[in-house]
């Protein structure tokens, strides 16, 4: 995967309290940055009117984060987000943190999210699929085997 494979990005403002005693952004804060990127992606894809409406939402069931280099207080960073696999009841989302001017990520996050309606698993609705595909420029191939 390359940075050009992402069609959504969220700029991140590094705050004073994000930095730990070692002088870099703490790894737990990096996960918060991924959450911010995920939220902005879902809001853009689905719109605020579909997200969390009528008890329907997505829940993270798995997260794998890899760190490749430090993020420092003066870095200009952004979170790149994409859905790369869309199943029947779940999806896989990849996210990268990129420093300005660089093409290799400082950290990556691979997540699995499942559809939930009023606390029960649900099939991801067709209108959501269409919205995700539109943001991903038609690249998503539904994998209904999930």
C-alpha atoms as a PDB file:
ATOM      1  CA  UNK A   1       0.000   0.000   0.000  1.00  0.00           C
ATOM      2  CA  UNK A   2       1.199   3.514  -0.798  1.00  0.00           C
ATOM      3  CA  UNK A   3       0.132   6.947   0.400  1.00  0.00           C
ATOM      4  CA  UNK A   4      -1.528   7.451  -3.011  1.00  0.00           C
ATOM      5  CA  UNK A   5      -3.971   4.639  -2.176  1.00  0.00           C
ATOM      6  CA  UNK A   6      -5.744   6.852   0.371  1.00  0.00           C
ATOM      7  CA  UNK A   7      -8.495   9.287  -0.611  1.00  0.00           C
ATOM      8  CA  UNK A   8      -9.196  10.673   2.851  1.00  0.00           C
ATOM      9  CA  UNK A   9      -6.915  12.618   5.172  1.00  0.00           C
ATOM     10  CA  UNK A  10      -7.368  14.420   8.459  1.00  0.00           C
ATOM     11  CA  UNK A  11      -4.831  17.015   9.616  1.00  0.00           C
ATOM     12  CA  UNK A  12      -3.820  16.613  13.260  1.00  0.00           C
ATOM     13  CA  UNK A  13      -2.782  19.384  15.632  1.00  0.00           C
ATOM     14  CA  UNK A  14      -0.235  18.113  18.142  1.00  0.00           C
ATOM     15  CA  UNK A  15      -0.984  19.510  21.588  1.00  0.00           C
ATOM     16  CA  UNK A  16       1.412  20.176  24.451  1.00  0.00           C
ATOM     17  CA  UNK A  17      -0.125  17.428  26.594  1.00  0.00           C
ATOM     18  CA  UNK A  18       0.333  14.855  23.768  1.00  0.00           C
ATOM     19  CA  UNK A  19       4.084  14.885  24.403  1.00  0.00           C
ATOM     20  CA  UNK A  20       5.534  12.669  27.133  1.00  0.00           C
ATOM     21  CA  UNK A  21       8.727  12.880  29.208  1.00  0.00           C
ATOM     22  CA  UNK A  22      10.785  11.444  26.348  1.00  0.00           C
ATOM     23  CA  UNK A  23       9.957  14.471  24.192  1.00  0.00           C
ATOM     24  CA  UNK A  24       7.846  12.623  21.611  1.00  0.00           C
ATOM     25  CA  UNK A  25       4.105  12.083  21.117  1.00  0.00           C
ATOM     26  CA  UNK A  26       3.112   9.218  23.391  1.00  0.00           C
ATOM     27  CA  UNK A  27       2.049   6.008  21.634  1.00  0.00           C
ATOM     28  CA  UNK A  28      -1.340   6.029  23.369  1.00  0.00           C
ATOM     29  CA  UNK A  29      -1.996   9.481  21.906  1.00  0.00           C
ATOM     30  CA  UNK A  30      -1.141   8.157  18.440  1.00  0.00           C
ATOM     31  CA  UNK A  31      -4.115   5.804  18.834  1.00  0.00           C
ATOM     32  CA  UNK A  32      -6.299   8.823  19.603  1.00  0.00           C
ATOM     33  CA  UNK A  33      -5.126  10.383  16.340  1.00  0.00           C
ATOM     34  CA  UNK A  34      -6.278   7.258  14.509  1.00  0.00           C
ATOM     35  CA  UNK A  35      -9.658   7.584  16.246  1.00  0.00           C
ATOM     36  CA  UNK A  36      -9.936  11.207  15.080  1.00  0.00           C
ATOM     37  CA  UNK A  37      -9.139  10.150  11.511  1.00  0.00           C
ATOM     38  CA  UNK A  38     -11.651   7.285  11.708  1.00  0.00           C
ATOM     39  CA  UNK A  39     -14.400   9.586  12.954  1.00  0.00           C
ATOM     40  CA  UNK A  40     -13.772  12.173  10.225  1.00  0.00           C
ATOM     41  CA  UNK A  41     -13.735   9.424   7.577  1.00  0.00           C
ATOM     42  CA  UNK A  42     -17.062   7.972   8.745  1.00  0.00           C
ATOM     43  CA  UNK A  43     -18.672  11.408   8.996  1.00  0.00           C
ATOM     44  CA  UNK A  44     -17.551  12.261   5.473  1.00  0.00           C
ATOM     45  CA  UNK A  45     -18.572   8.893   4.029  1.00  0.00           C
ATOM     46  CA  UNK A  46     -21.921   8.474   5.774  1.00  0.00           C
ATOM     47  CA  UNK A  47     -22.801  11.993   6.856  1.00  0.00           C
ATOM     48  CA  UNK A  48     -23.790  12.860  10.392  1.00  0.00           C
ATOM     49  CA  UNK A  49     -27.417  11.906   9.662  1.00  0.00           C
ATOM     50  CA  UNK A  50     -26.554   8.206   9.051  1.00  0.00           C
ATOM     51  CA  UNK A  51     -23.845   7.741  11.658  1.00  0.00           C
ATOM     52  CA  UNK A  52     -25.303   6.423  14.935  1.00  0.00           C
ATOM     53  CA  UNK A  53     -28.845   6.879  13.641  1.00  0.00           C
ATOM     54  CA  UNK A  54     -31.561   4.556  14.936  1.00  0.00           C
ATOM     55  CA  UNK A  55     -29.063   2.483  16.915  1.00  0.00           C
ATOM     56  CA  UNK A  56     -26.990   1.582  13.827  1.00  0.00           C
ATOM     57  CA  UNK A  57     -23.248   2.064  14.101  1.00  0.00           C
ATOM     58  CA  UNK A  58     -19.843   0.476  13.693  1.00  0.00           C
ATOM     59  CA  UNK A  59     -17.807  -0.960  16.559  1.00  0.00           C
ATOM     60  CA  UNK A  60     -14.080  -1.695  16.564  1.00  0.00           C
ATOM     61  CA  UNK A  61     -13.452  -5.351  17.371  1.00  0.00           C
ATOM     62  CA  UNK A  62      -9.755  -5.505  16.491  1.00  0.00           C
ATOM     63  CA  UNK A  63      -6.901  -2.998  16.257  1.00  0.00           C
ATOM     64  CA  UNK A  64      -3.287  -3.612  15.285  1.00  0.00           C
ATOM     65  CA  UNK A  65      -0.948  -0.624  15.491  1.00  0.00           C
ATOM     66  CA  UNK A  66       2.657  -0.586  14.315  1.00  0.00           C
ATOM     67  CA  UNK A  67       5.115   2.210  15.088  1.00  0.00           C
ATOM     68  CA  UNK A  68       8.006   2.949  12.720  1.00  0.00           C
ATOM     69  CA  UNK A  69       9.397   6.260  13.963  1.00  0.00           C
ATOM     70  CA  UNK A  70       8.724   8.890  16.577  1.00  0.00           C
ATOM     71  CA  UNK A  71       6.283  11.726  16.144  1.00  0.00           C
ATOM     72  CA  UNK A  72       7.781  14.912  17.584  1.00  0.00           C
ATOM     73  CA  UNK A  73       6.061  18.070  18.868  1.00  0.00           C
ATOM     74  CA  UNK A  74       7.034  20.189  15.845  1.00  0.00           C
ATOM     75  CA  UNK A  75       5.966  17.611  13.227  1.00  0.00           C
ATOM     76  CA  UNK A  76       3.132  18.478  10.874  1.00  0.00           C
ATOM     77  CA  UNK A  77       1.112  15.279  10.578  1.00  0.00           C
ATOM     78  CA  UNK A  78      -2.064  13.930   9.064  1.00  0.00           C
ATOM     79  CA  UNK A  79      -4.001  10.679   9.332  1.00  0.00           C
ATOM     80  CA  UNK A  80      -4.757   8.885   6.073  1.00  0.00           C
ATOM     81  CA  UNK A  81      -7.748   6.543   6.252  1.00  0.00           C
ATOM     82  CA  UNK A  82      -9.289   4.003   3.906  1.00  0.00           C
ATOM     83  CA  UNK A  83     -11.532   0.980   3.928  1.00  0.00           C
ATOM     84  CA  UNK A  84      -9.793  -1.762   2.001  1.00  0.00           C
ATOM     85  CA  UNK A  85     -12.164  -4.676   2.565  1.00  0.00           C
ATOM     86  CA  UNK A  86     -15.923  -4.593   2.885  1.00  0.00           C
ATOM     87  CA  UNK A  87     -17.597  -7.767   4.094  1.00  0.00           C
ATOM     88  CA  UNK A  88     -21.170  -8.687   4.913  1.00  0.00           C
ATOM     89  CA  UNK A  89     -21.109  -7.631   8.564  1.00  0.00           C
ATOM     90  CA  UNK A  90     -17.609  -6.194   8.876  1.00  0.00           C
ATOM     91  CA  UNK A  91     -15.018  -4.013   7.226  1.00  0.00           C
ATOM     92  CA  UNK A  92     -11.269  -3.581   7.404  1.00  0.00           C
ATOM     93  CA  UNK A  93      -9.822  -0.112   7.721  1.00  0.00           C
ATOM     94  CA  UNK A  94      -6.186   0.905   7.221  1.00  0.00           C
ATOM     95  CA  UNK A  95      -4.790   4.160   8.587  1.00  0.00           C
ATOM     96  CA  UNK A  96      -1.405   5.804   8.318  1.00  0.00           C
ATOM     97  CA  UNK A  97       0.141   8.740  10.116  1.00  0.00           C
ATOM     98  CA  UNK A  98       2.296  10.741   7.720  1.00  0.00           C
ATOM     99  CA  UNK A  99       4.628  13.616   8.427  1.00  0.00           C
ATOM    100  CA  UNK A 100       4.461  16.530   6.010  1.00  0.00           C
ATOM    101  CA  UNK A 101       6.667  15.931   2.977  1.00  0.00           C
ATOM    102  CA  UNK A 102       7.124  12.209   3.656  1.00  0.00           C
ATOM    103  CA  UNK A 103       5.604   9.191   1.912  1.00  0.00           C
ATOM    104  CA  UNK A 104       6.362   6.466   4.474  1.00  0.00           C
ATOM    105  CA  UNK A 105       4.151   6.227   7.581  1.00  0.00           C
ATOM    106  CA  UNK A 106       5.390   6.899  11.094  1.00  0.00           C
ATOM    107  CA  UNK A 107       2.672   4.539  12.374  1.00  0.00           C
ATOM    108  CA  UNK A 108      -0.086   2.374  10.898  1.00  0.00           C
ATOM    109  CA  UNK A 109      -3.335   1.005  12.274  1.00  0.00           C
ATOM    110  CA  UNK A 110      -5.259  -1.935  10.797  1.00  0.00           C
ATOM    111  CA  UNK A 111      -8.767  -2.215  12.274  1.00  0.00           C
ATOM    112  CA  UNK A 112     -11.741  -4.512  11.938  1.00  0.00           C
ATOM    113  CA  UNK A 113     -15.134  -2.935  12.534  1.00  0.00           C
ATOM    114  CA  UNK A 114     -18.523  -4.645  12.671  1.00  0.00           C
ATOM    115  CA  UNK A 115     -22.002  -3.320  12.084  1.00  0.00           C
ATOM    116  CA  UNK A 116     -24.238  -3.158  15.132  1.00  0.00           C
ATOM    117  CA  UNK A 117     -27.910  -2.274  15.461  1.00  0.00           C
ATOM    118  CA  UNK A 118     -29.273  -1.809  18.980  1.00  0.00           C
ATOM    119  CA  UNK A 119     -26.562  -4.047  20.422  1.00  0.00           C
ATOM    120  CA  UNK A 120     -26.961  -6.862  17.880  1.00  0.00           C
ATOM    121  CA  UNK A 121     -24.755  -7.648  14.890  1.00  0.00           C
ATOM    122  CA  UNK A 122     -26.100  -6.410  11.579  1.00  0.00           C
ATOM    123  CA  UNK A 123     -25.327  -6.646   7.898  1.00  0.00           C
ATOM    124  CA  UNK A 124     -23.737  -3.429   6.689  1.00  0.00           C
ATOM    125  CA  UNK A 125     -26.585  -1.574   4.943  1.00  0.00           C
ATOM    126  CA  UNK A 126     -26.541  -1.102   1.168  1.00  0.00           C
ATOM    127  CA  UNK A 127     -26.660   2.696   1.490  1.00  0.00           C
ATOM    128  CA  UNK A 128     -23.532   2.599   3.700  1.00  0.00           C
ATOM    129  CA  UNK A 129     -21.816   0.342   1.159  1.00  0.00           C
ATOM    130  CA  UNK A 130     -22.624   2.795  -1.586  1.00  0.00           C
ATOM    131  CA  UNK A 131     -21.328   5.711   0.492  1.00  0.00           C
ATOM    132  CA  UNK A 132     -18.086   3.884   1.325  1.00  0.00           C
ATOM    133  CA  UNK A 133     -17.608   2.940  -2.316  1.00  0.00           C
ATOM    134  CA  UNK A 134     -18.142   6.529  -3.387  1.00  0.00           C
ATOM    135  CA  UNK A 135     -15.462   7.798  -1.008  1.00  0.00           C
ATOM    136  CA  UNK A 136     -13.146   4.948  -2.074  1.00  0.00           C
ATOM    137  CA  UNK A 137     -13.793   5.790  -5.746  1.00  0.00           C
ATOM    138  CA  UNK A 138     -15.398   2.416  -6.481  1.00  0.00           C
ATOM    139  CA  UNK A 139     -12.432   0.316  -5.296  1.00  0.00           C
ATOM    140  CA  UNK A 140     -14.285  -1.731  -2.709  1.00  0.00           C
ATOM    141  CA  UNK A 141     -15.113  -5.261  -3.690  1.00  0.00           C
ATOM    142  CA  UNK A 142     -17.746  -6.580  -1.300  1.00  0.00           C
ATOM    143  CA  UNK A 143     -16.697  -9.818   0.366  1.00  0.00           C
ATOM    144  CA  UNK A 144     -20.023 -11.311   1.419  1.00  0.00           C
ATOM    145  CA  UNK A 145     -18.331 -14.416   2.824  1.00  0.00           C
ATOM    146  CA  UNK A 146     -17.794 -12.669   6.168  1.00  0.00           C
END
